[in-house]
Amino acid sequence: MPAFVPFRFLPTTLAACIAPVAAFLAGPLPASATSGPGCLVVVNVAANDALNMRARASAQSRVVDVLVPGQHGIIHLDAPCSPPSVSWGSRWCPVTHYNADRVIKGWVKARYVRDSDCP
């Protein structure tokens, strides 16, 4: 006959069994926009100017946000800049801009941003 397991230990055992399955089904967690690598800072833009963030990867696309050098909040790089077939400065980078309570997704030209650790 199997040993009796008191009920008070069952939730811990059940949770220990379910947690790895739940983690596997959920897949990898998305990168946090507020810690470690993966953020960008505005560069090559005059102090009295700003970088336009676009709705699509095109200079003719609608401006969805304006990024002021040194005052832009957190700019998170969402995926590699593309297309890889062109020089770095000509690529477009998909980003998310976190500034206070606003979160805006868009694209910036690679020549105007540089890698940075997220604050």
PDB file of N, CA and C in Angstrom:
ATOM      1  N   MET A   1       0.849  -1.179   0.000  1.00  0.00           N
ATOM      2  CA  MET A   1       0.000   0.000   0.000  1.00  0.00           C
ATOM      3  C   MET A   1       0.898   1.247   0.000  1.00  0.00           C
ATOM      4  N   PRO A   2       0.586   2.282  -0.845  1.00  0.00           N
ATOM      5  CA  PRO A   2       1.418   3.479  -0.886  1.00  0.00           C
ATOM      6  C   PRO A   2       1.346   4.250   0.412  1.00  0.00           C
ATOM      7  N   ALA A   3       2.413   4.990   0.678  1.00  0.00           N
ATOM      8  CA  ALA A   3       2.464   5.792   1.900  1.00  0.00           C
ATOM      9  C   ALA A   3       1.452   6.919   1.816  1.00  0.00           C
ATOM     10  N   PHE A   4       0.872   7.268   2.938  1.00  0.00           N
ATOM     11  CA  PHE A   4      -0.099   8.347   3.001  1.00  0.00           C
ATOM     12  C   PHE A   4       0.635   9.689   2.954  1.00  0.00           C
ATOM     13  N   VAL A   5       0.189  10.578   2.068  1.00  0.00           N
ATOM     14  CA  VAL A   5       0.772  11.915   1.971  1.00  0.00           C
ATOM     15  C   VAL A   5      -0.243  12.887   2.548  1.00  0.00           C
ATOM     16  N   PRO A   6       0.128  13.588   3.612  1.00  0.00           N
ATOM     17  CA  PRO A   6      -0.813  14.529   4.210  1.00  0.00           C
ATOM     18  C   PRO A   6      -1.221  15.600   3.201  1.00  0.00           C
ATOM     19  N   PHE A   7      -2.467  16.051   3.262  1.00  0.00           N
ATOM     20  CA  PHE A   7      -3.018  17.019   2.332  1.00  0.00           C
ATOM     21  C   PHE A   7      -2.220  18.322   2.327  1.00  0.00           C
ATOM     22  N   ARG A   8      -1.668  18.716   3.451  1.00  0.00           N
ATOM     23  CA  ARG A   8      -0.962  19.991   3.505  1.00  0.00           C
ATOM     24  C   ARG A   8       0.276  19.995   2.611  1.00  0.00           C
ATOM     25  N   PHE A   9       0.787  18.866   2.209  1.00  0.00           N
ATOM     26  CA  PHE A   9       1.948  18.822   1.327  1.00  0.00           C
ATOM     27  C   PHE A   9       1.554  18.739  -0.149  1.00  0.00           C
ATOM     28  N   LEU A  10       0.327  18.450  -0.431  1.00  0.00           N
ATOM     29  CA  LEU A  10      -0.119  18.286  -1.805  1.00  0.00           C
ATOM     30  C   LEU A  10       0.008  19.554  -2.651  1.00  0.00           C
ATOM     31  N   PRO A  11      -0.421  20.718  -2.175  1.00  0.00           N
ATOM     32  CA  PRO A  11      -0.282  21.897  -3.025  1.00  0.00           C
ATOM     33  C   PRO A  11       1.169  22.184  -3.421  1.00  0.00           C
ATOM     34  N   THR A  12       2.106  21.997  -2.522  1.00  0.00           N
ATOM     35  CA  THR A  12       3.508  22.236  -2.839  1.00  0.00           C
ATOM     36  C   THR A  12       3.970  21.245  -3.901  1.00  0.00           C
ATOM     37  N   THR A  13       3.606  19.993  -3.753  1.00  0.00           N
ATOM     38  CA  THR A  13       3.993  18.972  -4.717  1.00  0.00           C
ATOM     39  C   THR A  13       3.323  19.237  -6.061  1.00  0.00           C
ATOM     40  N   LEU A  14       2.048  19.574  -6.061  1.00  0.00           N
ATOM     41  CA  LEU A  14       1.331  19.866  -7.280  1.00  0.00           C
ATOM     42  C   LEU A  14       1.926  21.092  -7.982  1.00  0.00           C
ATOM     43  N   ALA A  15       2.210  22.141  -7.222  1.00  0.00           N
ATOM     44  CA  ALA A  15       2.790  23.348  -7.793  1.00  0.00           C
ATOM     45  C   ALA A  15       4.170  23.049  -8.380  1.00  0.00           C
ATOM     46  N   ALA A  16       4.930  22.213  -7.700  1.00  0.00           N
ATOM     47  CA  ALA A  16       6.253  21.861  -8.191  1.00  0.00           C
ATOM     48  C   ALA A  16       6.170  21.097  -9.503  1.00  0.00           C
ATOM     49  N   CYS A  17       5.104  20.346  -9.700  1.00  0.00           N
ATOM     50  CA  CYS A  17       4.926  19.591 -10.944  1.00  0.00           C
ATOM     51  C   CYS A  17       4.398  20.471 -12.068  1.00  0.00           C
ATOM     52  N   ILE A  18       3.538  21.407 -11.740  1.00  0.00           N
ATOM     53  CA  ILE A  18       2.893  22.238 -12.751  1.00  0.00           C
ATOM     54  C   ILE A  18       3.807  23.354 -13.254  1.00  0.00           C
ATOM     55  N   ALA A  19       4.614  23.938 -12.388  1.00  0.00           N
ATOM     56  CA  ALA A  19       5.442  25.091 -12.768  1.00  0.00           C
ATOM     57  C   ALA A  19       6.333  24.822 -13.977  1.00  0.00           C
ATOM     58  N   PRO A  20       7.090  23.713 -14.030  1.00  0.00           N
ATOM     59  CA  PRO A  20       7.923  23.491 -15.213  1.00  0.00           C
ATOM     60  C   PRO A  20       7.103  23.307 -16.497  1.00  0.00           C
ATOM     61  N   VAL A  21       5.955  22.679 -16.387  1.00  0.00           N
ATOM     62  CA  VAL A  21       5.099  22.487 -17.557  1.00  0.00           C
ATOM     63  C   VAL A  21       4.576  23.835 -18.039  1.00  0.00           C
ATOM     64  N   ALA A  22       4.128  24.678 -17.118  1.00  0.00           N
ATOM     65  CA  ALA A  22       3.625  25.998 -17.479  1.00  0.00           C
ATOM     66  C   ALA A  22       4.724  26.832 -18.125  1.00  0.00           C
ATOM     67  N   ALA A  23       5.939  26.777 -17.589  1.00  0.00           N
ATOM     68  CA  ALA A  23       7.057  27.525 -18.159  1.00  0.00           C
ATOM     69  C   ALA A  23       7.375  27.031 -19.565  1.00  0.00           C
ATOM     70  N   PHE A  24       7.330  25.718 -19.769  1.00  0.00           N
ATOM     71  CA  PHE A  24       7.605  25.160 -21.091  1.00  0.00           C
ATOM     72  C   PHE A  24       6.552  25.606 -22.099  1.00  0.00           C
ATOM     73  N   LEU A  25       5.281  25.568 -21.709  1.00  0.00           N
ATOM     74  CA  LEU A  25       4.205  25.949 -22.612  1.00  0.00           C
ATOM     75  C   LEU A  25       4.221  27.439 -22.924  1.00  0.00           C
ATOM     76  N   ALA A  26       4.629  28.252 -21.960  1.00  0.00           N
ATOM     77  CA  ALA A  26       4.660  29.694 -22.166  1.00  0.00           C
ATOM     78  C   ALA A  26       5.795  30.107 -23.077  1.00  0.00           C
ATOM     79  N   GLY A  27       6.847  29.321 -23.142  1.00  0.00           N
ATOM     80  CA  GLY A  27       7.997  29.658 -23.977  1.00  0.00           C
ATOM     81  C   GLY A  27       8.872  30.680 -23.284  1.00  0.00           C
ATOM     82  N   PRO A  28       9.886  31.171 -23.994  1.00  0.00           N
ATOM     83  CA  PRO A  28      10.788  32.132 -23.374  1.00  0.00           C
ATOM     84  C   PRO A  28      10.086  33.441 -23.074  1.00  0.00           C
ATOM     85  N   LEU A  29      10.487  34.084 -22.001  1.00  0.00           N
ATOM     86  CA  LEU A  29       9.903  35.354 -21.631  1.00  0.00           C
ATOM     87  C   LEU A  29      10.466  36.449 -22.525  1.00  0.00           C
ATOM     88  N   PRO A  30       9.663  37.458 -22.871  1.00  0.00           N
ATOM     89  CA  PRO A  30      10.192  38.549 -23.681  1.00  0.00           C
ATOM     90  C   PRO A  30      11.220  39.345 -22.896  1.00  0.00           C
ATOM     91  N   ALA A  31      12.150  39.945 -23.604  1.00  0.00           N
ATOM     92  CA  ALA A  31      13.177  40.737 -22.947  1.00  0.00           C
ATOM     93  C   ALA A  31      12.537  41.933 -22.262  1.00  0.00           C
ATOM     94  N   SER A  32      13.024  42.243 -21.092  1.00  0.00           N
ATOM     95  CA  SER A  32      12.526  43.397 -20.368  1.00  0.00           C
ATOM     96  C   SER A  32      13.095  44.665 -20.983  1.00  0.00           C
ATOM     97  N   ALA A  33      12.292  45.681 -21.054  1.00  0.00           N
ATOM     98  CA  ALA A  33      12.745  46.942 -21.626  1.00  0.00           C
ATOM     99  C   ALA A  33      13.439  47.797 -20.582  1.00  0.00           C
ATOM    100  N   THR A  34      13.579  47.306 -19.385  1.00  0.00           N
ATOM    101  CA  THR A  34      14.125  48.162 -18.346  1.00  0.00           C
ATOM    102  C   THR A  34      15.359  47.596 -17.662  1.00  0.00           C
ATOM    103  N   SER A  35      15.996  46.603 -18.242  1.00  0.00           N
ATOM    104  CA  SER A  35      17.224  46.110 -17.623  1.00  0.00           C
ATOM    105  C   SER A  35      18.098  45.402 -18.644  1.00  0.00           C
ATOM    106  N   GLY A  36      19.410  45.595 -18.516  1.00  0.00           N
ATOM    107  CA  GLY A  36      20.362  44.900 -19.370  1.00  0.00           C
ATOM    108  C   GLY A  36      20.467  45.469 -20.765  1.00  0.00           C
ATOM    109  N   PRO A  37      21.091  44.709 -21.685  1.00  0.00           N
ATOM    110  CA  PRO A  37      21.282  45.196 -23.046  1.00  0.00           C
ATOM    111  C   PRO A  37      19.970  45.208 -23.822  1.00  0.00           C
ATOM    112  N   GLY A  38      19.977  45.868 -24.962  1.00  0.00           N
ATOM    113  CA  GLY A  38      18.793  45.866 -25.808  1.00  0.00           C
ATOM    114  C   GLY A  38      18.168  47.225 -25.989  1.00  0.00           C
ATOM    115  N   CYS A  39      18.749  48.243 -25.383  1.00  0.00           N
ATOM    116  CA  CYS A  39      18.216  49.587 -25.548  1.00  0.00           C
ATOM    117  C   CYS A  39      19.109  50.397 -26.471  1.00  0.00           C
ATOM    118  N   LEU A  40      18.587  51.531 -26.889  1.00  0.00           N
ATOM    119  CA  LEU A  40      19.302  52.419 -27.795  1.00  0.00           C
ATOM    120  C   LEU A  40      19.276  53.836 -27.236  1.00  0.00           C
ATOM    121  N   VAL A  41      20.245  54.638 -27.657  1.00  0.00           N
ATOM    122  CA  VAL A  41      20.247  56.066 -27.366  1.00  0.00           C
ATOM    123  C   VAL A  41      20.363  56.813 -28.693  1.00  0.00           C
ATOM    124  N   VAL A  42      19.838  58.013 -28.720  1.00  0.00           N
ATOM    125  CA  VAL A  42      19.883  58.848 -29.919  1.00  0.00           C
ATOM    126  C   VAL A  42      21.283  59.447 -30.055  1.00  0.00           C
ATOM    127  N   VAL A  43      21.856  59.341 -31.257  1.00  0.00           N
ATOM    128  CA  VAL A  43      23.166  59.927 -31.576  1.00  0.00           C
ATOM    129  C   VAL A  43      23.080  60.616 -32.939  1.00  0.00           C
ATOM    130  N   ASN A  44      24.092  61.391 -33.260  1.00  0.00           N
ATOM    131  CA  ASN A  44      24.179  62.062 -34.566  1.00  0.00           C
ATOM    132  C   ASN A  44      22.988  62.978 -34.850  1.00  0.00           C
ATOM    133  N   VAL A  45      22.393  63.506 -33.789  1.00  0.00           N
ATOM    134  CA  VAL A  45      21.289  64.453 -33.914  1.00  0.00           C
ATOM    135  C   VAL A  45      21.671  65.671 -33.076  1.00  0.00           C
ATOM    136  N   ALA A  46      21.581  66.868 -33.651  1.00  0.00           N
ATOM    137  CA  ALA A  46      21.946  68.092 -32.942  1.00  0.00           C
ATOM    138  C   ALA A  46      21.106  68.266 -31.681  1.00  0.00           C
ATOM    139  N   ALA A  47      21.676  68.934 -30.694  1.00  0.00           N
ATOM    140  CA  ALA A  47      20.997  69.134 -29.410  1.00  0.00           C
ATOM    141  C   ALA A  47      19.681  69.888 -29.571  1.00  0.00           C
ATOM    142  N   ASN A  48      19.580  70.738 -30.591  1.00  0.00           N
ATOM    143  CA  ASN A  48      18.342  71.505 -30.790  1.00  0.00           C
ATOM    144  C   ASN A  48      17.433  70.863 -31.843  1.00  0.00           C
ATOM    145  N   ASP A  49      17.671  69.585 -32.141  1.00  0.00           N
ATOM    146  CA  ASP A  49      16.888  68.853 -33.144  1.00  0.00           C
ATOM    147  C   ASP A  49      16.319  67.602 -32.492  1.00  0.00           C
ATOM    148  N   ALA A  50      15.657  66.744 -33.244  1.00  0.00           N
ATOM    149  CA  ALA A  50      15.092  65.503 -32.711  1.00  0.00           C
ATOM    150  C   ALA A  50      15.056  64.447 -33.807  1.00  0.00           C
ATOM    151  N   LEU A  51      14.991  63.194 -33.381  1.00  0.00           N
ATOM    152  CA  LEU A  51      14.896  62.054 -34.291  1.00  0.00           C
ATOM    153  C   LEU A  51      13.425  61.678 -34.444  1.00  0.00           C
ATOM    154  N   ASN A  52      12.950  61.616 -35.668  1.00  0.00           N
ATOM    155  CA  ASN A  52      11.570  61.197 -35.914  1.00  0.00           C
ATOM    156  C   ASN A  52      11.477  59.674 -35.892  1.00  0.00           C
ATOM    157  N   MET A  53      10.546  59.159 -35.131  1.00  0.00           N
ATOM    158  CA  MET A  53      10.240  57.733 -35.122  1.00  0.00           C
ATOM    159  C   MET A  53       9.054  57.551 -36.070  1.00  0.00           C
ATOM    160  N   ARG A  54       9.184  56.611 -36.988  1.00  0.00           N
ATOM    161  CA  ARG A  54       8.205  56.443 -38.062  1.00  0.00           C
ATOM    162  C   ARG A  54       7.302  55.231 -37.844  1.00  0.00           C
ATOM    163  N   ALA A  55       6.137  55.248 -38.462  1.00  0.00           N
ATOM    164  CA  ALA A  55       5.188  54.138 -38.372  1.00  0.00           C
ATOM    165  C   ALA A  55       5.692  52.909 -39.116  1.00  0.00           C
ATOM    166  N   ARG A  56       6.436  53.134 -40.198  1.00  0.00           N
ATOM    167  CA  ARG A  56       7.022  52.041 -40.983  1.00  0.00           C
ATOM    168  C   ARG A  56       8.475  52.384 -41.296  1.00  0.00           C
ATOM    169  N   ALA A  57       9.197  51.453 -41.848  1.00  0.00           N
ATOM    170  CA  ALA A  57      10.613  51.636 -42.170  1.00  0.00           C
ATOM    171  C   ALA A  57      10.773  52.428 -43.460  1.00  0.00           C
ATOM    172  N   SER A  58      10.408  53.702 -43.402  1.00  0.00           N
ATOM    173  CA  SER A  58      10.487  54.563 -44.575  1.00  0.00           C
ATOM    174  C   SER A  58      10.498  56.022 -44.121  1.00  0.00           C
ATOM    175  N   ALA A  59      11.344  56.826 -44.760  1.00  0.00           N
ATOM    176  CA  ALA A  59      11.386  58.254 -44.439  1.00  0.00           C
ATOM    177  C   ALA A  59      10.096  58.961 -44.847  1.00  0.00           C
ATOM    178  N   GLN A  60       9.321  58.357 -45.727  1.00  0.00           N
ATOM    179  CA  GLN A  60       8.049  58.944 -46.145  1.00  0.00           C
ATOM    180  C   GLN A  60       6.886  58.525 -45.241  1.00  0.00           C
ATOM    181  N   SER A  61       7.145  57.594 -44.318  1.00  0.00           N
ATOM    182  CA  SER A  61       6.103  57.104 -43.419  1.00  0.00           C
ATOM    183  C   SER A  61       5.740  58.164 -42.371  1.00  0.00           C
ATOM    184  N   ARG A  62       4.559  58.042 -41.838  1.00  0.00           N
ATOM    185  CA  ARG A  62       4.045  58.968 -40.823  1.00  0.00           C
ATOM    186  C   ARG A  62       4.931  58.979 -39.574  1.00  0.00           C
ATOM    187  N   VAL A  63       5.170  60.156 -39.015  1.00  0.00           N
ATOM    188  CA  VAL A  63       5.915  60.302 -37.767  1.00  0.00           C
ATOM    189  C   VAL A  63       4.991  59.934 -36.614  1.00  0.00           C
ATOM    190  N   VAL A  64       5.413  58.965 -35.781  1.00  0.00           N
ATOM    191  CA  VAL A  64       4.584  58.535 -34.649  1.00  0.00           C
ATOM    192  C   VAL A  64       5.105  59.059 -33.312  1.00  0.00           C
ATOM    193  N   ASP A  65       6.371  59.515 -33.292  1.00  0.00           N
ATOM    194  CA  ASP A  65       6.958  60.039 -32.067  1.00  0.00           C
ATOM    195  C   ASP A  65       8.200  60.846 -32.432  1.00  0.00           C
ATOM    196  N   VAL A  66       8.625  61.703 -31.520  1.00  0.00           N
ATOM    197  CA  VAL A  66       9.806  62.525 -31.712  1.00  0.00           C
ATOM    198  C   VAL A  66      10.743  62.259 -30.539  1.00  0.00           C
ATOM    199  N   LEU A  67      11.986  61.858 -30.837  1.00  0.00           N
ATOM    200  CA  LEU A  67      12.949  61.474 -29.808  1.00  0.00           C
ATOM    201  C   LEU A  67      14.013  62.560 -29.679  1.00  0.00           C
ATOM    202  N   VAL A  68      13.992  63.278 -28.564  1.00  0.00           N
ATOM    203  CA  VAL A  68      14.940  64.364 -28.310  1.00  0.00           C
ATOM    204  C   VAL A  68      16.206  63.773 -27.688  1.00  0.00           C
ATOM    205  N   PRO A  69      17.388  64.075 -28.235  1.00  0.00           N
ATOM    206  CA  PRO A  69      18.631  63.525 -27.669  1.00  0.00           C
ATOM    207  C   PRO A  69      18.750  63.830 -26.172  1.00  0.00           C
ATOM    208  N   GLY A  70      19.044  62.795 -25.388  1.00  0.00           N
ATOM    209  CA  GLY A  70      19.227  62.951 -23.951  1.00  0.00           C
ATOM    210  C   GLY A  70      17.950  63.105 -23.144  1.00  0.00           C
ATOM    211  N   GLN A  71      16.796  63.155 -23.792  1.00  0.00           N
ATOM    212  CA  GLN A  71      15.525  63.353 -23.078  1.00  0.00           C
ATOM    213  C   GLN A  71      14.439  62.437 -23.602  1.00  0.00           C
ATOM    214  N   HIS A  72      14.811  61.286 -24.125  1.00  0.00           N
ATOM    215  CA  HIS A  72      13.849  60.460 -24.845  1.00  0.00           C
ATOM    216  C   HIS A  72      13.289  59.275 -24.073  1.00  0.00           C
ATOM    217  N   GLY A  73      13.622  59.094 -22.821  1.00  0.00           N
ATOM    218  CA  GLY A  73      13.138  57.922 -22.101  1.00  0.00           C
ATOM    219  C   GLY A  73      13.879  56.670 -22.574  1.00  0.00           C
ATOM    220  N   ILE A  74      13.200  55.543 -22.601  1.00  0.00           N
ATOM    221  CA  ILE A  74      13.826  54.273 -22.975  1.00  0.00           C
ATOM    222  C   ILE A  74      13.416  53.903 -24.399  1.00  0.00           C
ATOM    223  N   ILE A  75      14.410  53.613 -25.236  1.00  0.00           N
ATOM    224  CA  ILE A  75      14.159  53.134 -26.593  1.00  0.00           C
ATOM    225  C   ILE A  75      14.653  51.700 -26.629  1.00  0.00           C
ATOM    226  N   HIS A  76      13.745  50.757 -26.783  1.00  0.00           N
ATOM    227  CA  HIS A  76      14.095  49.333 -26.779  1.00  0.00           C
ATOM    228  C   HIS A  76      14.149  48.808 -28.206  1.00  0.00           C
ATOM    229  N   LEU A  77      15.250  48.142 -28.560  1.00  0.00           N
ATOM    230  CA  LEU A  77      15.389  47.524 -29.877  1.00  0.00           C
ATOM    231  C   LEU A  77      14.592  46.223 -29.868  1.00  0.00           C
ATOM    232  N   ASP A  78      13.569  46.125 -30.716  1.00  0.00           N
ATOM    233  CA  ASP A  78      12.663  44.978 -30.710  1.00  0.00           C
ATOM    234  C   ASP A  78      13.137  43.807 -31.562  1.00  0.00           C
ATOM    235  N   ALA A  79      13.950  44.063 -32.569  1.00  0.00           N
ATOM    236  CA  ALA A  79      14.447  43.022 -33.481  1.00  0.00           C
ATOM    237  C   ALA A  79      15.655  43.609 -34.206  1.00  0.00           C
ATOM    238  N   PRO A  80      16.411  42.782 -34.911  1.00  0.00           N
ATOM    239  CA  PRO A  80      17.572  43.309 -35.641  1.00  0.00           C
ATOM    240  C   PRO A  80      17.158  44.369 -36.667  1.00  0.00           C
ATOM    241  N   CYS A  81      18.040  45.339 -36.864  1.00  0.00           N
ATOM    242  CA  CYS A  81      17.817  46.368 -37.875  1.00  0.00           C
ATOM    243  C   CYS A  81      17.942  45.719 -39.247  1.00  0.00           C
ATOM    244  N   SER A  82      17.167  46.211 -40.209  1.00  0.00           N
ATOM    245  CA  SER A  82      17.141  45.554 -41.508  1.00  0.00           C
ATOM    246  C   SER A  82      17.014  46.583 -42.634  1.00  0.00           C
ATOM    247  N   PRO A  83      17.247  46.163 -43.867  1.00  0.00           N
ATOM    248  CA  PRO A  83      17.669  44.831 -44.292  1.00  0.00           C
ATOM    249  C   PRO A  83      19.176  44.655 -44.122  1.00  0.00           C
ATOM    250  N   PRO A  84      19.613  43.433 -43.850  1.00  0.00           N
ATOM    251  CA  PRO A  84      21.040  43.194 -43.632  1.00  0.00           C
ATOM    252  C   PRO A  84      21.886  43.373 -44.890  1.00  0.00           C
ATOM    253  N   SER A  85      21.242  43.476 -46.049  1.00  0.00           N
ATOM    254  CA  SER A  85      21.973  43.597 -47.317  1.00  0.00           C
ATOM    255  C   SER A  85      22.489  45.017 -47.573  1.00  0.00           C
ATOM    256  N   VAL A  86      22.076  45.990 -46.743  1.00  0.00           N
ATOM    257  CA  VAL A  86      22.538  47.372 -46.934  1.00  0.00           C
ATOM    258  C   VAL A  86      23.481  47.763 -45.808  1.00  0.00           C
ATOM    259  N   SER A  87      24.208  48.870 -45.997  1.00  0.00           N
ATOM    260  CA  SER A  87      25.141  49.318 -44.954  1.00  0.00           C
ATOM    261  C   SER A  87      24.379  49.644 -43.668  1.00  0.00           C
ATOM    262  N   TRP A  88      25.104  49.590 -42.541  1.00  0.00           N
ATOM    263  CA  TRP A  88      24.483  49.762 -41.233  1.00  0.00           C
ATOM    264  C   TRP A  88      23.669  51.058 -41.155  1.00  0.00           C
ATOM    265  N   GLY A  89      24.229  52.168 -41.577  1.00  0.00           N
ATOM    266  CA  GLY A  89      23.551  53.457 -41.464  1.00  0.00           C
ATOM    267  C   GLY A  89      22.283  53.563 -42.278  1.00  0.00           C
ATOM    268  N   SER A  90      22.130  52.701 -43.273  1.00  0.00           N
ATOM    269  CA  SER A  90      20.931  52.740 -44.122  1.00  0.00           C
ATOM    270  C   SER A  90      19.822  51.812 -43.642  1.00  0.00           C
ATOM    271  N   ARG A  91      20.072  51.041 -42.600  1.00  0.00           N
ATOM    272  CA  ARG A  91      19.060  50.104 -42.086  1.00  0.00           C
ATOM    273  C   ARG A  91      18.038  50.837 -41.223  1.00  0.00           C
ATOM    274  N   TRP A  92      16.889  50.188 -41.055  1.00  0.00           N
ATOM    275  CA  TRP A  92      15.838  50.667 -40.167  1.00  0.00           C
ATOM    276  C   TRP A  92      15.709  49.710 -38.988  1.00  0.00           C
ATOM    277  N   CYS A  93      15.488  50.256 -37.801  1.00  0.00           N
ATOM    278  CA  CYS A  93      15.411  49.453 -36.579  1.00  0.00           C
ATOM    279  C   CYS A  93      14.005  49.536 -35.978  1.00  0.00           C
ATOM    280  N   PRO A  94      13.380  48.363 -35.725  1.00  0.00           N
ATOM    281  CA  PRO A  94      12.073  48.372 -35.061  1.00  0.00           C
ATOM    282  C   PRO A  94      12.263  48.605 -33.560  1.00  0.00           C
ATOM    283  N   VAL A  95      11.569  49.587 -33.019  1.00  0.00           N
ATOM    284  CA  VAL A  95      11.771  49.959 -31.619  1.00  0.00           C
ATOM    285  C   VAL A  95      10.447  50.164 -30.895  1.00  0.00           C
ATOM    286  N   THR A  96      10.541  50.118 -29.569  1.00  0.00           N
ATOM    287  CA  THR A  96       9.443  50.532 -28.702  1.00  0.00           C
ATOM    288  C   THR A  96       9.973  51.656 -27.842  1.00  0.00           C
ATOM    289  N   HIS A  97       9.252  52.762 -27.791  1.00  0.00           N
ATOM    290  CA  HIS A  97       9.657  53.912 -26.985  1.00  0.00           C
ATOM    291  C   HIS A  97       8.798  53.968 -25.728  1.00  0.00           C
ATOM    292  N   TYR A  98       9.477  53.876 -24.581  1.00  0.00           N
ATOM    293  CA  TYR A  98       8.815  53.969 -23.280  1.00  0.00           C
ATOM    294  C   TYR A  98       9.168  55.335 -22.700  1.00  0.00           C
ATOM    295  N   ASN A  99       8.172  56.174 -22.482  1.00  0.00           N
ATOM    296  CA  ASN A  99       8.423  57.491 -21.915  1.00  0.00           C
ATOM    297  C   ASN A  99       7.262  57.840 -20.993  1.00  0.00           C
ATOM    298  N   ALA A 100       7.560  57.804 -19.690  1.00  0.00           N
ATOM    299  CA  ALA A 100       6.531  58.001 -18.658  1.00  0.00           C
ATOM    300  C   ALA A 100       5.447  56.950 -18.844  1.00  0.00           C
ATOM    301  N   ASP A 101       4.206  57.353 -19.089  1.00  0.00           N
ATOM    302  CA  ASP A 101       3.119  56.374 -19.235  1.00  0.00           C
ATOM    303  C   ASP A 101       2.801  56.074 -20.695  1.00  0.00           C
ATOM    304  N   ARG A 102       3.604  56.586 -21.627  1.00  0.00           N
ATOM    305  CA  ARG A 102       3.382  56.349 -23.054  1.00  0.00           C
ATOM    306  C   ARG A 102       4.268  55.218 -23.556  1.00  0.00           C
ATOM    307  N   VAL A 103       3.707  54.352 -24.398  1.00  0.00           N
ATOM    308  CA  VAL A 103       4.459  53.278 -25.056  1.00  0.00           C
ATOM    309  C   VAL A 103       4.094  53.338 -26.535  1.00  0.00           C
ATOM    310  N   ILE A 104       5.111  53.589 -27.370  1.00  0.00           N
ATOM    311  CA  ILE A 104       4.867  53.743 -28.804  1.00  0.00           C
ATOM    312  C   ILE A 104       5.835  52.857 -29.578  1.00  0.00           C
ATOM    313  N   LYS A 105       5.314  52.109 -30.540  1.00  0.00           N
ATOM    314  CA  LYS A 105       6.129  51.267 -31.412  1.00  0.00           C
ATOM    315  C   LYS A 105       6.339  51.976 -32.739  1.00  0.00           C
ATOM    316  N   GLY A 106       7.540  51.783 -33.307  1.00  0.00           N
ATOM    317  CA  GLY A 106       7.829  52.400 -34.586  1.00  0.00           C
ATOM    318  C   GLY A 106       9.191  51.990 -35.110  1.00  0.00           C
ATOM    319  N   TRP A 107       9.742  52.797 -36.000  1.00  0.00           N
ATOM    320  CA  TRP A 107      11.013  52.515 -36.668  1.00  0.00           C
ATOM    321  C   TRP A 107      11.890  53.757 -36.638  1.00  0.00           C
ATOM    322  N   VAL A 108      13.202  53.548 -36.443  1.00  0.00           N
ATOM    323  CA  VAL A 108      14.177  54.630 -36.523  1.00  0.00           C
ATOM    324  C   VAL A 108      15.314  54.202 -37.440  1.00  0.00           C
ATOM    325  N   LYS A 109      15.959  55.178 -38.046  1.00  0.00           N
ATOM    326  CA  LYS A 109      17.101  54.912 -38.915  1.00  0.00           C
ATOM    327  C   LYS A 109      18.302  54.562 -38.044  1.00  0.00           C
ATOM    328  N   ALA A 110      19.013  53.487 -38.405  1.00  0.00           N
ATOM    329  CA  ALA A 110      20.128  52.974 -37.601  1.00  0.00           C
ATOM    330  C   ALA A 110      21.235  54.000 -37.396  1.00  0.00           C
ATOM    331  N   ARG A 111      21.458  54.888 -38.356  1.00  0.00           N
ATOM    332  CA  ARG A 111      22.560  55.859 -38.227  1.00  0.00           C
ATOM    333  C   ARG A 111      22.343  56.846 -37.088  1.00  0.00           C
ATOM    334  N   TYR A 112      21.119  56.924 -36.566  1.00  0.00           N
ATOM    335  CA  TYR A 112      20.819  57.888 -35.516  1.00  0.00           C
ATOM    336  C   TYR A 112      20.659  57.267 -34.129  1.00  0.00           C
ATOM    337  N   VAL A 113      20.989  55.996 -33.994  1.00  0.00           N
ATOM    338  CA  VAL A 113      20.909  55.342 -32.677  1.00  0.00           C
ATOM    339  C   VAL A 113      22.166  54.511 -32.437  1.00  0.00           C
ATOM    340  N   ARG A 114      22.415  54.239 -31.163  1.00  0.00           N
ATOM    341  CA  ARG A 114      23.571  53.438 -30.763  1.00  0.00           C
ATOM    342  C   ARG A 114      23.144  52.521 -29.631  1.00  0.00           C
ATOM    343  N   ASP A 115      23.747  51.320 -29.561  1.00  0.00           N
ATOM    344  CA  ASP A 115      23.442  50.371 -28.494  1.00  0.00           C
ATOM    345  C   ASP A 115      23.732  50.985 -27.120  1.00  0.00           C
ATOM    346  N   SER A 116      22.916  50.576 -26.151  1.00  0.00           N
ATOM    347  CA  SER A 116      23.080  51.038 -24.775  1.00  0.00           C
ATOM    348  C   SER A 116      22.423  50.027 -23.850  1.00  0.00           C
ATOM    349  N   ASP A 117      22.938  49.923 -22.637  1.00  0.00           N
ATOM    350  CA  ASP A 117      22.239  49.127 -21.632  1.00  0.00           C
ATOM    351  C   ASP A 117      20.954  49.833 -21.242  1.00  0.00           C
ATOM    352  N   CYS A 118      19.927  49.072 -20.997  1.00  0.00           N
ATOM    353  CA  CYS A 118      18.678  49.660 -20.511  1.00  0.00           C
ATOM    354  C   CYS A 118      18.881  50.107 -19.062  1.00  0.00           C
ATOM    355  N   PRO A 119      18.298  51.225 -18.709  1.00  0.00           N
ATOM    356  CA  PRO A 119      18.470  51.713 -17.312  1.00  0.00           C
ATOM    357  C   PRO A 119      17.800  50.804 -16.311  1.00  0.00           C
TER     358      PRO A 119
END
